[in-house]
Amino acid sequence: MERTQLPNSTIILIFGILSIIGCCCYGILGVIFGIIALVMAKRATEIYNANPELYTGFENVKTGRILAIIGLVLSGLNLIASIVMLFVYGGIEGYQQAMEEILRSME
């Protein structure tokens, strides 16, 4: 019997990577990609566990799941930090002014 690629195994890996990269976008994109990757990984794991001899590519699912968890944690922390900073600096305008001052001090 011929083994086939596990459905969405590559996409899960890509979304796991994007969840880590997305933590740099105030955490929003990382949370979205992380949740999607985890849901897809759960479904792929159930399919694989039903008939493991029929599928290949489970390594991508495991790796993508681990990356999604890491990206979700980093993105969640970044999102919480961004929200706290908005309240500390008094809204978006105050936050932008504080970030400009930080960038000027770095030059």
PDB file of N, CA and C in Angstrom:
ATOM      1  N   MET A   1       0.833  -1.171   0.000  1.00  0.00           N
ATOM      2  CA  MET A   1       0.000   0.000   0.000  1.00  0.00           C
ATOM      3  C   MET A   1       0.885   1.244   0.000  1.00  0.00           C
ATOM      4  N   GLU A   2       0.550   2.200  -0.821  1.00  0.00           N
ATOM      5  CA  GLU A   2       1.342   3.406  -0.979  1.00  0.00           C
ATOM      6  C   GLU A   2       1.016   4.430   0.104  1.00  0.00           C
ATOM      7  N   ARG A   3       2.065   5.009   0.673  1.00  0.00           N
ATOM      8  CA  ARG A   3       1.867   6.034   1.707  1.00  0.00           C
ATOM      9  C   ARG A   3       1.714   7.397   1.056  1.00  0.00           C
ATOM     10  N   THR A   4       0.800   8.192   1.568  1.00  0.00           N
ATOM     11  CA  THR A   4       0.568   9.526   1.030  1.00  0.00           C
ATOM     12  C   THR A   4       0.947  10.576   2.073  1.00  0.00           C
ATOM     13  N   GLN A   5       1.123  11.769   1.573  1.00  0.00           N
ATOM     14  CA  GLN A   5       1.449  12.897   2.447  1.00  0.00           C
ATOM     15  C   GLN A   5       0.238  13.242   3.311  1.00  0.00           C
ATOM     16  N   LEU A   6       0.484  13.478   4.572  1.00  0.00           N
ATOM     17  CA  LEU A   6      -0.572  13.852   5.501  1.00  0.00           C
ATOM     18  C   LEU A   6      -1.157  15.202   5.075  1.00  0.00           C
ATOM     19  N   PRO A   7      -2.488  15.318   4.999  1.00  0.00           N
ATOM     20  CA  PRO A   7      -3.093  16.575   4.542  1.00  0.00           C
ATOM     21  C   PRO A   7      -2.678  17.754   5.419  1.00  0.00           C
ATOM     22  N   ASN A   8      -2.320  18.839   4.791  1.00  0.00           N
ATOM     23  CA  ASN A   8      -1.977  20.115   5.423  1.00  0.00           C
ATOM     24  C   ASN A   8      -0.719  20.084   6.286  1.00  0.00           C
ATOM     25  N   SER A   9       0.120  19.071   6.149  1.00  0.00           N
ATOM     26  CA  SER A   9       1.306  19.016   7.001  1.00  0.00           C
ATOM     27  C   SER A   9       2.269  20.169   6.703  1.00  0.00           C
ATOM     28  N   THR A  10       2.435  20.505   5.451  1.00  0.00           N
ATOM     29  CA  THR A  10       3.330  21.607   5.091  1.00  0.00           C
ATOM     30  C   THR A  10       2.739  22.950   5.502  1.00  0.00           C
ATOM     31  N   ILE A  11       1.433  23.110   5.336  1.00  0.00           N
ATOM     32  CA  ILE A  11       0.755  24.358   5.718  1.00  0.00           C
ATOM     33  C   ILE A  11       0.867  24.574   7.228  1.00  0.00           C
ATOM     34  N   ILE A  12       0.756  23.513   8.006  1.00  0.00           N
ATOM     35  CA  ILE A  12       0.883  23.622   9.463  1.00  0.00           C
ATOM     36  C   ILE A  12       2.279  24.121   9.826  1.00  0.00           C
ATOM     37  N   LEU A  13       3.282  23.595   9.167  1.00  0.00           N
ATOM     38  CA  LEU A  13       4.651  24.032   9.408  1.00  0.00           C
ATOM     39  C   LEU A  13       4.829  25.502   9.040  1.00  0.00           C
ATOM     40  N   ILE A  14       4.293  25.904   7.908  1.00  0.00           N
ATOM     41  CA  ILE A  14       4.395  27.301   7.463  1.00  0.00           C
ATOM     42  C   ILE A  14       3.679  28.229   8.435  1.00  0.00           C
ATOM     43  N   PHE A  15       2.475  27.849   8.875  1.00  0.00           N
ATOM     44  CA  PHE A  15       1.735  28.688   9.819  1.00  0.00           C
ATOM     45  C   PHE A  15       2.454  28.758  11.162  1.00  0.00           C
ATOM     46  N   GLY A  16       3.120  27.690  11.571  1.00  0.00           N
ATOM     47  CA  GLY A  16       3.908  27.724  12.795  1.00  0.00           C
ATOM     48  C   GLY A  16       5.052  28.726  12.696  1.00  0.00           C
ATOM     49  N   ILE A  17       5.718  28.725  11.558  1.00  0.00           N
ATOM     50  CA  ILE A  17       6.791  29.697  11.328  1.00  0.00           C
ATOM     51  C   ILE A  17       6.237  31.109  11.285  1.00  0.00           C
ATOM     52  N   LEU A  18       5.115  31.304  10.601  1.00  0.00           N
ATOM     53  CA  LEU A  18       4.503  32.630  10.511  1.00  0.00           C
ATOM     54  C   LEU A  18       4.014  33.132  11.862  1.00  0.00           C
ATOM     55  N   SER A  19       3.645  32.224  12.753  1.00  0.00           N
ATOM     56  CA  SER A  19       3.212  32.662  14.084  1.00  0.00           C
ATOM     57  C   SER A  19       4.370  33.261  14.869  1.00  0.00           C
ATOM     58  N   ILE A  20       5.580  32.726  14.666  1.00  0.00           N
ATOM     59  CA  ILE A  20       6.748  33.300  15.326  1.00  0.00           C
ATOM     60  C   ILE A  20       7.110  34.640  14.691  1.00  0.00           C
ATOM     61  N   ILE A  21       7.080  34.704  13.373  1.00  0.00           N
ATOM     62  CA  ILE A  21       7.372  35.956  12.685  1.00  0.00           C
ATOM     63  C   ILE A  21       6.304  37.000  13.007  1.00  0.00           C
ATOM     64  N   GLY A  22       5.056  36.564  13.131  1.00  0.00           N
ATOM     65  CA  GLY A  22       3.940  37.479  13.388  1.00  0.00           C
ATOM     66  C   GLY A  22       3.949  38.105  14.760  1.00  0.00           C
ATOM     67  N   CYS A  23       4.769  37.605  15.672  1.00  0.00           N
ATOM     68  CA  CYS A  23       4.817  38.224  16.997  1.00  0.00           C
ATOM     69  C   CYS A  23       5.413  39.622  16.916  1.00  0.00           C
ATOM     70  N   CYS A  24       6.101  39.941  15.840  1.00  0.00           N
ATOM     71  CA  CYS A  24       6.670  41.277  15.672  1.00  0.00           C
ATOM     72  C   CYS A  24       5.621  42.307  15.254  1.00  0.00           C
ATOM     73  N   CYS A  25       4.462  41.872  14.847  1.00  0.00           N
ATOM     74  CA  CYS A  25       3.380  42.765  14.412  1.00  0.00           C
ATOM     75  C   CYS A  25       2.399  42.990  15.555  1.00  0.00           C
ATOM     76  N   TYR A  26       2.904  43.460  16.690  1.00  0.00           N
ATOM     77  CA  TYR A  26       2.119  43.699  17.906  1.00  0.00           C
ATOM     78  C   TYR A  26       1.439  42.442  18.411  1.00  0.00           C
ATOM     79  N   GLY A  27       1.794  41.275  17.898  1.00  0.00           N
ATOM     80  CA  GLY A  27       1.274  40.014  18.387  1.00  0.00           C
ATOM     81  C   GLY A  27      -0.001  39.539  17.733  1.00  0.00           C
ATOM     82  N   ILE A  28      -0.670  40.384  16.993  1.00  0.00           N
ATOM     83  CA  ILE A  28      -1.979  40.020  16.442  1.00  0.00           C
ATOM     84  C   ILE A  28      -1.858  38.918  15.392  1.00  0.00           C
ATOM     85  N   LEU A  29      -0.970  39.111  14.429  1.00  0.00           N
ATOM     86  CA  LEU A  29      -0.818  38.098  13.376  1.00  0.00           C
ATOM     87  C   LEU A  29      -0.280  36.789  13.931  1.00  0.00           C
ATOM     88  N   GLY A  30       0.602  36.868  14.895  1.00  0.00           N
ATOM     89  CA  GLY A  30       1.149  35.656  15.503  1.00  0.00           C
ATOM     90  C   GLY A  30       0.091  34.837  16.216  1.00  0.00           C
ATOM     91  N   VAL A  31      -0.818  35.511  16.914  1.00  0.00           N
ATOM     92  CA  VAL A  31      -1.905  34.807  17.596  1.00  0.00           C
ATOM     93  C   VAL A  31      -2.817  34.127  16.570  1.00  0.00           C
ATOM     94  N   ILE A  32      -3.136  34.835  15.507  1.00  0.00           N
ATOM     95  CA  ILE A  32      -4.024  34.271  14.475  1.00  0.00           C
ATOM     96  C   ILE A  32      -3.396  33.039  13.832  1.00  0.00           C
ATOM     97  N   PHE A  33      -2.142  33.172  13.372  1.00  0.00           N
ATOM     98  CA  PHE A  33      -1.477  32.039  12.718  1.00  0.00           C
ATOM     99  C   PHE A  33      -1.236  30.889  13.699  1.00  0.00           C
ATOM    100  N   GLY A  34      -0.934  31.208  14.946  1.00  0.00           N
ATOM    101  CA  GLY A  34      -0.701  30.169  15.947  1.00  0.00           C
ATOM    102  C   GLY A  34      -1.947  29.348  16.226  1.00  0.00           C
ATOM    103  N   ILE A  35      -3.084  30.025  16.369  1.00  0.00           N
ATOM    104  CA  ILE A  35      -4.334  29.309  16.634  1.00  0.00           C
ATOM    105  C   ILE A  35      -4.727  28.443  15.445  1.00  0.00           C
ATOM    106  N   ILE A  36      -4.597  28.995  14.250  1.00  0.00           N
ATOM    107  CA  ILE A  36      -4.934  28.215  13.051  1.00  0.00           C
ATOM    108  C   ILE A  36      -4.041  26.980  12.944  1.00  0.00           C
ATOM    109  N   ALA A  37      -2.742  27.158  13.182  1.00  0.00           N
ATOM    110  CA  ALA A  37      -1.808  26.028  13.092  1.00  0.00           C
ATOM    111  C   ALA A  37      -2.127  24.963  14.136  1.00  0.00           C
ATOM    112  N   LEU A  38      -2.479  25.363  15.352  1.00  0.00           N
ATOM    113  CA  LEU A  38      -2.802  24.390  16.397  1.00  0.00           C
ATOM    114  C   LEU A  38      -4.069  23.606  16.077  1.00  0.00           C
ATOM    115  N   VAL A  39      -5.079  24.290  15.551  1.00  0.00           N
ATOM    116  CA  VAL A  39      -6.321  23.596  15.186  1.00  0.00           C
ATOM    117  C   VAL A  39      -6.068  22.602  14.055  1.00  0.00           C
ATOM    118  N   MET A  40      -5.307  23.041  13.056  1.00  0.00           N
ATOM    119  CA  MET A  40      -5.005  22.153  11.932  1.00  0.00           C
ATOM    120  C   MET A  40      -4.128  20.981  12.380  1.00  0.00           C
ATOM    121  N   ALA A  41      -3.199  21.233  13.301  1.00  0.00           N
ATOM    122  CA  ALA A  41      -2.327  20.164  13.795  1.00  0.00           C
ATOM    123  C   ALA A  41      -3.115  19.138  14.592  1.00  0.00           C
ATOM    124  N   LYS A  42      -4.096  19.588  15.344  1.00  0.00           N
ATOM    125  CA  LYS A  42      -4.930  18.649  16.103  1.00  0.00           C
ATOM    126  C   LYS A  42      -5.689  17.719  15.162  1.00  0.00           C
ATOM    127  N   ARG A  43      -6.259  18.294  14.115  1.00  0.00           N
ATOM    128  CA  ARG A  43      -6.997  17.493  13.143  1.00  0.00           C
ATOM    129  C   ARG A  43      -6.075  16.523  12.409  1.00  0.00           C
ATOM    130  N   ALA A  44      -4.890  17.001  12.016  1.00  0.00           N
ATOM    131  CA  ALA A  44      -3.937  16.134  11.307  1.00  0.00           C
ATOM    132  C   ALA A  44      -3.435  15.009  12.219  1.00  0.00           C
ATOM    133  N   THR A  45      -3.261  15.300  13.500  1.00  0.00           N
ATOM    134  CA  THR A  45      -2.829  14.271  14.441  1.00  0.00           C
ATOM    135  C   THR A  45      -3.896  13.202  14.595  1.00  0.00           C
ATOM    136  N   GLU A  46      -5.151  13.600  14.640  1.00  0.00           N
ATOM    137  CA  GLU A  46      -6.240  12.618  14.728  1.00  0.00           C
ATOM    138  C   GLU A  46      -6.280  11.734  13.490  1.00  0.00           C
ATOM    139  N   ILE A  47      -6.086  12.326  12.329  1.00  0.00           N
ATOM    140  CA  ILE A  47      -6.077  11.549  11.084  1.00  0.00           C
ATOM    141  C   ILE A  47      -4.902  10.571  11.089  1.00  0.00           C
ATOM    142  N   TYR A  48      -3.732  11.062  11.504  1.00  0.00           N
ATOM    143  CA  TYR A  48      -2.544  10.201  11.523  1.00  0.00           C
ATOM    144  C   TYR A  48      -2.685   9.064  12.529  1.00  0.00           C
ATOM    145  N   ASN A  49      -3.212   9.356  13.704  1.00  0.00           N
ATOM    146  CA  ASN A  49      -3.343   8.320  14.736  1.00  0.00           C
ATOM    147  C   ASN A  49      -4.352   7.244  14.352  1.00  0.00           C
ATOM    148  N   ALA A  50      -5.302   7.570  13.492  1.00  0.00           N
ATOM    149  CA  ALA A  50      -6.271   6.571  13.042  1.00  0.00           C
ATOM    150  C   ALA A  50      -5.599   5.521  12.153  1.00  0.00           C
ATOM    151  N   ASN A  51      -4.708   5.953  11.253  1.00  0.00           N
ATOM    152  CA  ASN A  51      -3.998   5.044  10.345  1.00  0.00           C
ATOM    153  C   ASN A  51      -2.573   5.537  10.120  1.00  0.00           C
ATOM    154  N   PRO A  52      -1.668   5.332  11.046  1.00  0.00           N
ATOM    155  CA  PRO A  52      -0.310   5.871  10.881  1.00  0.00           C
ATOM    156  C   PRO A  52       0.472   5.248   9.729  1.00  0.00           C
ATOM    157  N   GLU A  53       0.114   4.044   9.333  1.00  0.00           N
ATOM    158  CA  GLU A  53       0.855   3.398   8.246  1.00  0.00           C
ATOM    159  C   GLU A  53       0.494   3.955   6.869  1.00  0.00           C
ATOM    160  N   LEU A  54      -0.560   4.764   6.772  1.00  0.00           N
ATOM    161  CA  LEU A  54      -0.983   5.306   5.485  1.00  0.00           C
ATOM    162  C   LEU A  54      -0.346   6.648   5.140  1.00  0.00           C
ATOM    163  N   TYR A  55       0.235   7.332   6.136  1.00  0.00           N
ATOM    164  CA  TYR A  55       0.650   8.715   5.914  1.00  0.00           C
ATOM    165  C   TYR A  55       2.119   8.944   6.232  1.00  0.00           C
ATOM    166  N   THR A  56       2.695   9.917   5.530  1.00  0.00           N
ATOM    167  CA  THR A  56       4.024  10.444   5.833  1.00  0.00           C
ATOM    168  C   THR A  56       3.862  11.927   6.150  1.00  0.00           C
ATOM    169  N   GLY A  57       4.890  12.538   6.672  1.00  0.00           N
ATOM    170  CA  GLY A  57       4.858  13.974   6.930  1.00  0.00           C
ATOM    171  C   GLY A  57       4.396  14.356   8.317  1.00  0.00           C
ATOM    172  N   PHE A  58       4.331  13.386   9.231  1.00  0.00           N
ATOM    173  CA  PHE A  58       3.895  13.718  10.580  1.00  0.00           C
ATOM    174  C   PHE A  58       4.950  14.562  11.311  1.00  0.00           C
ATOM    175  N   GLU A  59       6.207  14.488  10.867  1.00  0.00           N
ATOM    176  CA  GLU A  59       7.257  15.305  11.456  1.00  0.00           C
ATOM    177  C   GLU A  59       6.969  16.787  11.248  1.00  0.00           C
ATOM    178  N   ASN A  60       6.452  17.145  10.073  1.00  0.00           N
ATOM    179  CA  ASN A  60       6.078  18.533   9.807  1.00  0.00           C
ATOM    180  C   ASN A  60       4.970  18.991  10.749  1.00  0.00           C
ATOM    181  N   VAL A  61       4.032  18.117  11.022  1.00  0.00           N
ATOM    182  CA  VAL A  61       2.924  18.460  11.919  1.00  0.00           C
ATOM    183  C   VAL A  61       3.450  18.696  13.333  1.00  0.00           C
ATOM    184  N   LYS A  62       4.326  17.815  13.800  1.00  0.00           N
ATOM    185  CA  LYS A  62       4.876  17.977  15.150  1.00  0.00           C
ATOM    186  C   LYS A  62       5.697  19.259  15.266  1.00  0.00           C
ATOM    187  N   THR A  63       6.532  19.503  14.273  1.00  0.00           N
ATOM    188  CA  THR A  63       7.361  20.708  14.281  1.00  0.00           C
ATOM    189  C   THR A  63       6.503  21.962  14.189  1.00  0.00           C
ATOM    190  N   GLY A  64       5.519  21.945  13.301  1.00  0.00           N
ATOM    191  CA  GLY A  64       4.614  23.092  13.161  1.00  0.00           C
ATOM    192  C   GLY A  64       3.842  23.367  14.431  1.00  0.00           C
ATOM    193  N   ARG A  65       3.447  22.319  15.132  1.00  0.00           N
ATOM    194  CA  ARG A  65       2.713  22.479  16.391  1.00  0.00           C
ATOM    195  C   ARG A  65       3.603  23.126  17.450  1.00  0.00           C
ATOM    196  N   ILE A  66       4.839  22.677  17.551  1.00  0.00           N
ATOM    197  CA  ILE A  66       5.770  23.257  18.516  1.00  0.00           C
ATOM    198  C   ILE A  66       6.035  24.724  18.188  1.00  0.00           C
ATOM    199  N   LEU A  67       6.266  25.024  16.914  1.00  0.00           N
ATOM    200  CA  LEU A  67       6.491  26.411  16.505  1.00  0.00           C
ATOM    201  C   LEU A  67       5.262  27.273  16.766  1.00  0.00           C
ATOM    202  N   ALA A  68       4.071  26.714  16.549  1.00  0.00           N
ATOM    203  CA  ALA A  68       2.840  27.466  16.795  1.00  0.00           C
ATOM    204  C   ALA A  68       2.680  27.787  18.275  1.00  0.00           C
ATOM    205  N   ILE A  69       3.035  26.845  19.136  1.00  0.00           N
ATOM    206  CA  ILE A  69       2.943  27.103  20.579  1.00  0.00           C
ATOM    207  C   ILE A  69       3.928  28.191  20.983  1.00  0.00           C
ATOM    208  N   ILE A  70       5.151  28.112  20.486  1.00  0.00           N
ATOM    209  CA  ILE A  70       6.152  29.130  20.796  1.00  0.00           C
ATOM    210  C   ILE A  70       5.695  30.493  20.267  1.00  0.00           C
ATOM    211  N   GLY A  71       5.229  30.517  19.026  1.00  0.00           N
ATOM    212  CA  GLY A  71       4.757  31.770  18.435  1.00  0.00           C
ATOM    213  C   GLY A  71       3.550  32.334  19.153  1.00  0.00           C
ATOM    214  N   LEU A  72       2.657  31.460  19.610  1.00  0.00           N
ATOM    215  CA  LEU A  72       1.469  31.908  20.340  1.00  0.00           C
ATOM    216  C   LEU A  72       1.856  32.532  21.677  1.00  0.00           C
ATOM    217  N   VAL A  73       2.807  31.935  22.372  1.00  0.00           N
ATOM    218  CA  VAL A  73       3.257  32.488  23.654  1.00  0.00           C
ATOM    219  C   VAL A  73       3.946  33.840  23.438  1.00  0.00           C
ATOM    220  N   LEU A  74       4.868  33.903  22.480  1.00  0.00           N
ATOM    221  CA  LEU A  74       5.562  35.159  22.204  1.00  0.00           C
ATOM    222  C   LEU A  74       4.591  36.244  21.744  1.00  0.00           C
ATOM    223  N   SER A  75       3.657  35.882  20.884  1.00  0.00           N
ATOM    224  CA  SER A  75       2.693  36.847  20.383  1.00  0.00           C
ATOM    225  C   SER A  75       1.752  37.315  21.478  1.00  0.00           C
ATOM    226  N   GLY A  76       1.354  36.387  22.336  1.00  0.00           N
ATOM    227  CA  GLY A  76       0.482  36.765  23.448  1.00  0.00           C
ATOM    228  C   GLY A  76       1.179  37.743  24.382  1.00  0.00           C
ATOM    229  N   LEU A  77       2.440  37.482  24.688  1.00  0.00           N
ATOM    230  CA  LEU A  77       3.197  38.402  25.536  1.00  0.00           C
ATOM    231  C   LEU A  77       3.362  39.766  24.882  1.00  0.00           C
ATOM    232  N   ASN A  78       3.643  39.768  23.587  1.00  0.00           N
ATOM    233  CA  ASN A  78       3.798  41.024  22.858  1.00  0.00           C
ATOM    234  C   ASN A  78       2.477  41.781  22.794  1.00  0.00           C
ATOM    235  N   LEU A  79       1.385  41.077  22.588  1.00  0.00           N
ATOM    236  CA  LEU A  79       0.071  41.711  22.528  1.00  0.00           C
ATOM    237  C   LEU A  79      -0.294  42.321  23.882  1.00  0.00           C
ATOM    238  N   ILE A  80      -0.052  41.583  24.948  1.00  0.00           N
ATOM    239  CA  ILE A  80      -0.336  42.101  26.290  1.00  0.00           C
ATOM    240  C   ILE A  80       0.549  43.319  26.586  1.00  0.00           C
ATOM    241  N   ALA A  81       1.820  43.242  26.224  1.00  0.00           N
ATOM    242  CA  ALA A  81       2.721  44.369  26.446  1.00  0.00           C
ATOM    243  C   ALA A  81       2.285  45.592  25.646  1.00  0.00           C
ATOM    244  N   SER A  82       1.827  45.389  24.421  1.00  0.00           N
ATOM    245  CA  SER A  82       1.366  46.510  23.596  1.00  0.00           C
ATOM    246  C   SER A  82       0.127  47.161  24.193  1.00  0.00           C
ATOM    247  N   ILE A  83      -0.786  46.358  24.698  1.00  0.00           N
ATOM    248  CA  ILE A  83      -2.006  46.897  25.307  1.00  0.00           C
ATOM    249  C   ILE A  83      -1.659  47.670  26.577  1.00  0.00           C
ATOM    250  N   VAL A  84      -0.773  47.128  27.397  1.00  0.00           N
ATOM    251  CA  VAL A  84      -0.353  47.816  28.625  1.00  0.00           C
ATOM    252  C   VAL A  84       0.330  49.132  28.281  1.00  0.00           C
ATOM    253  N   MET A  85       1.183  49.121  27.271  1.00  0.00           N
ATOM    254  CA  MET A  85       1.880  50.352  26.875  1.00  0.00           C
ATOM    255  C   MET A  85       0.903  51.412  26.391  1.00  0.00           C
ATOM    256  N   LEU A  86      -0.167  51.002  25.715  1.00  0.00           N
ATOM    257  CA  LEU A  86      -1.167  51.974  25.278  1.00  0.00           C
ATOM    258  C   LEU A  86      -1.800  52.669  26.472  1.00  0.00           C
ATOM    259  N   PHE A  87      -2.095  51.920  27.523  1.00  0.00           N
ATOM    260  CA  PHE A  87      -2.707  52.521  28.698  1.00  0.00           C
ATOM    261  C   PHE A  87      -1.711  53.353  29.496  1.00  0.00           C
ATOM    262  N   VAL A  88      -0.454  52.915  29.552  1.00  0.00           N
ATOM    263  CA  VAL A  88       0.553  53.640  30.314  1.00  0.00           C
ATOM    264  C   VAL A  88       0.836  55.002  29.685  1.00  0.00           C
ATOM    265  N   TYR A  89       0.939  55.028  28.359  1.00  0.00           N
ATOM    266  CA  TYR A  89       1.277  56.264  27.678  1.00  0.00           C
ATOM    267  C   TYR A  89       0.058  57.096  27.292  1.00  0.00           C
ATOM    268  N   GLY A  90      -1.114  56.687  27.662  1.00  0.00           N
ATOM    269  CA  GLY A  90      -2.304  57.502  27.438  1.00  0.00           C
ATOM    270  C   GLY A  90      -2.817  57.481  26.017  1.00  0.00           C
ATOM    271  N   GLY A  91      -2.950  56.337  25.428  1.00  0.00           N
ATOM    272  CA  GLY A  91      -3.539  56.227  24.099  1.00  0.00           C
ATOM    273  C   GLY A  91      -2.499  56.067  23.008  1.00  0.00           C
ATOM    274  N   ILE A  92      -2.989  56.046  21.806  1.00  0.00           N
ATOM    275  CA  ILE A  92      -2.119  55.797  20.654  1.00  0.00           C
ATOM    276  C   ILE A  92      -1.162  56.954  20.422  1.00  0.00           C
ATOM    277  N   GLU A  93      -1.645  58.205  20.577  1.00  0.00           N
ATOM    278  CA  GLU A  93      -0.773  59.359  20.337  1.00  0.00           C
ATOM    279  C   GLU A  93       0.399  59.378  21.324  1.00  0.00           C
ATOM    280  N   GLY A  94       0.112  59.147  22.591  1.00  0.00           N
ATOM    281  CA  GLY A  94       1.172  59.120  23.591  1.00  0.00           C
ATOM    282  C   GLY A  94       2.140  57.976  23.353  1.00  0.00           C
ATOM    283  N   TYR A  95       1.621  56.839  22.923  1.00  0.00           N
ATOM    284  CA  TYR A  95       2.460  55.682  22.629  1.00  0.00           C
ATOM    285  C   TYR A  95       3.385  55.982  21.455  1.00  0.00           C
ATOM    286  N   GLN A  96       2.838  56.624  20.411  1.00  0.00           N
ATOM    287  CA  GLN A  96       3.657  56.955  19.246  1.00  0.00           C
ATOM    288  C   GLN A  96       4.743  57.963  19.608  1.00  0.00           C
ATOM    289  N   GLN A  97       4.410  58.953  20.435  1.00  0.00           N
ATOM    290  CA  GLN A  97       5.412  59.933  20.850  1.00  0.00           C
ATOM    291  C   GLN A  97       6.513  59.270  21.673  1.00  0.00           C
ATOM    292  N   ALA A  98       6.147  58.366  22.559  1.00  0.00           N
ATOM    293  CA  ALA A  98       7.149  57.676  23.369  1.00  0.00           C
ATOM    294  C   ALA A  98       8.067  56.830  22.487  1.00  0.00           C
ATOM    295  N   MET A  99       7.495  56.137  21.479  1.00  0.00           N
ATOM    296  CA  MET A  99       8.321  55.320  20.588  1.00  0.00           C
ATOM    297  C   MET A  99       9.250  56.194  19.754  1.00  0.00           C
ATOM    298  N   GLU A 100       8.781  57.384  19.328  1.00  0.00           N
ATOM    299  CA  GLU A 100       9.639  58.292  18.581  1.00  0.00           C
ATOM    300  C   GLU A 100      10.797  58.787  19.438  1.00  0.00           C
ATOM    301  N   GLU A 101      10.518  59.065  20.708  1.00  0.00           N
ATOM    302  CA  GLU A 101      11.587  59.493  21.613  1.00  0.00           C
ATOM    303  C   GLU A 101      12.599  58.377  21.833  1.00  0.00           C
ATOM    304  N   ILE A 102      12.136  57.165  21.939  1.00  0.00           N
ATOM    305  CA  ILE A 102      13.054  56.035  22.108  1.00  0.00           C
ATOM    306  C   ILE A 102      13.927  55.869  20.881  1.00  0.00           C
ATOM    307  N   LEU A 103      13.316  55.994  19.689  1.00  0.00           N
ATOM    308  CA  LEU A 103      14.088  55.864  18.450  1.00  0.00           C
ATOM    309  C   LEU A 103      15.101  56.998  18.315  1.00  0.00           C
ATOM    310  N   ARG A 104      14.715  58.224  18.702  1.00  0.00           N
ATOM    311  CA  ARG A 104      15.652  59.344  18.649  1.00  0.00           C
ATOM    312  C   ARG A 104      16.815  59.137  19.599  1.00  0.00           C
ATOM    313  N   SER A 105      16.557  58.599  20.757  1.00  0.00           N
ATOM    314  CA  SER A 105      17.628  58.378  21.730  1.00  0.00           C
ATOM    315  C   SER A 105      18.593  57.273  21.267  1.00  0.00           C
ATOM    316  N   MET A 106      18.130  56.395  20.396  1.00  0.00           N
ATOM    317  CA  MET A 106      18.976  55.311  19.889  1.00  0.00           C
ATOM    318  C   MET A 106      19.933  55.796  18.798  1.00  0.00           C
ATOM    319  N   GLU A 107      19.625  56.932  18.198  1.00  0.00           N
ATOM    320  CA  GLU A 107      20.450  57.414  17.089  1.00  0.00           C
ATOM    321  C   GLU A 107      21.721  58.018  17.524  1.00  0.00           C
TER     322      GLU A 107
END
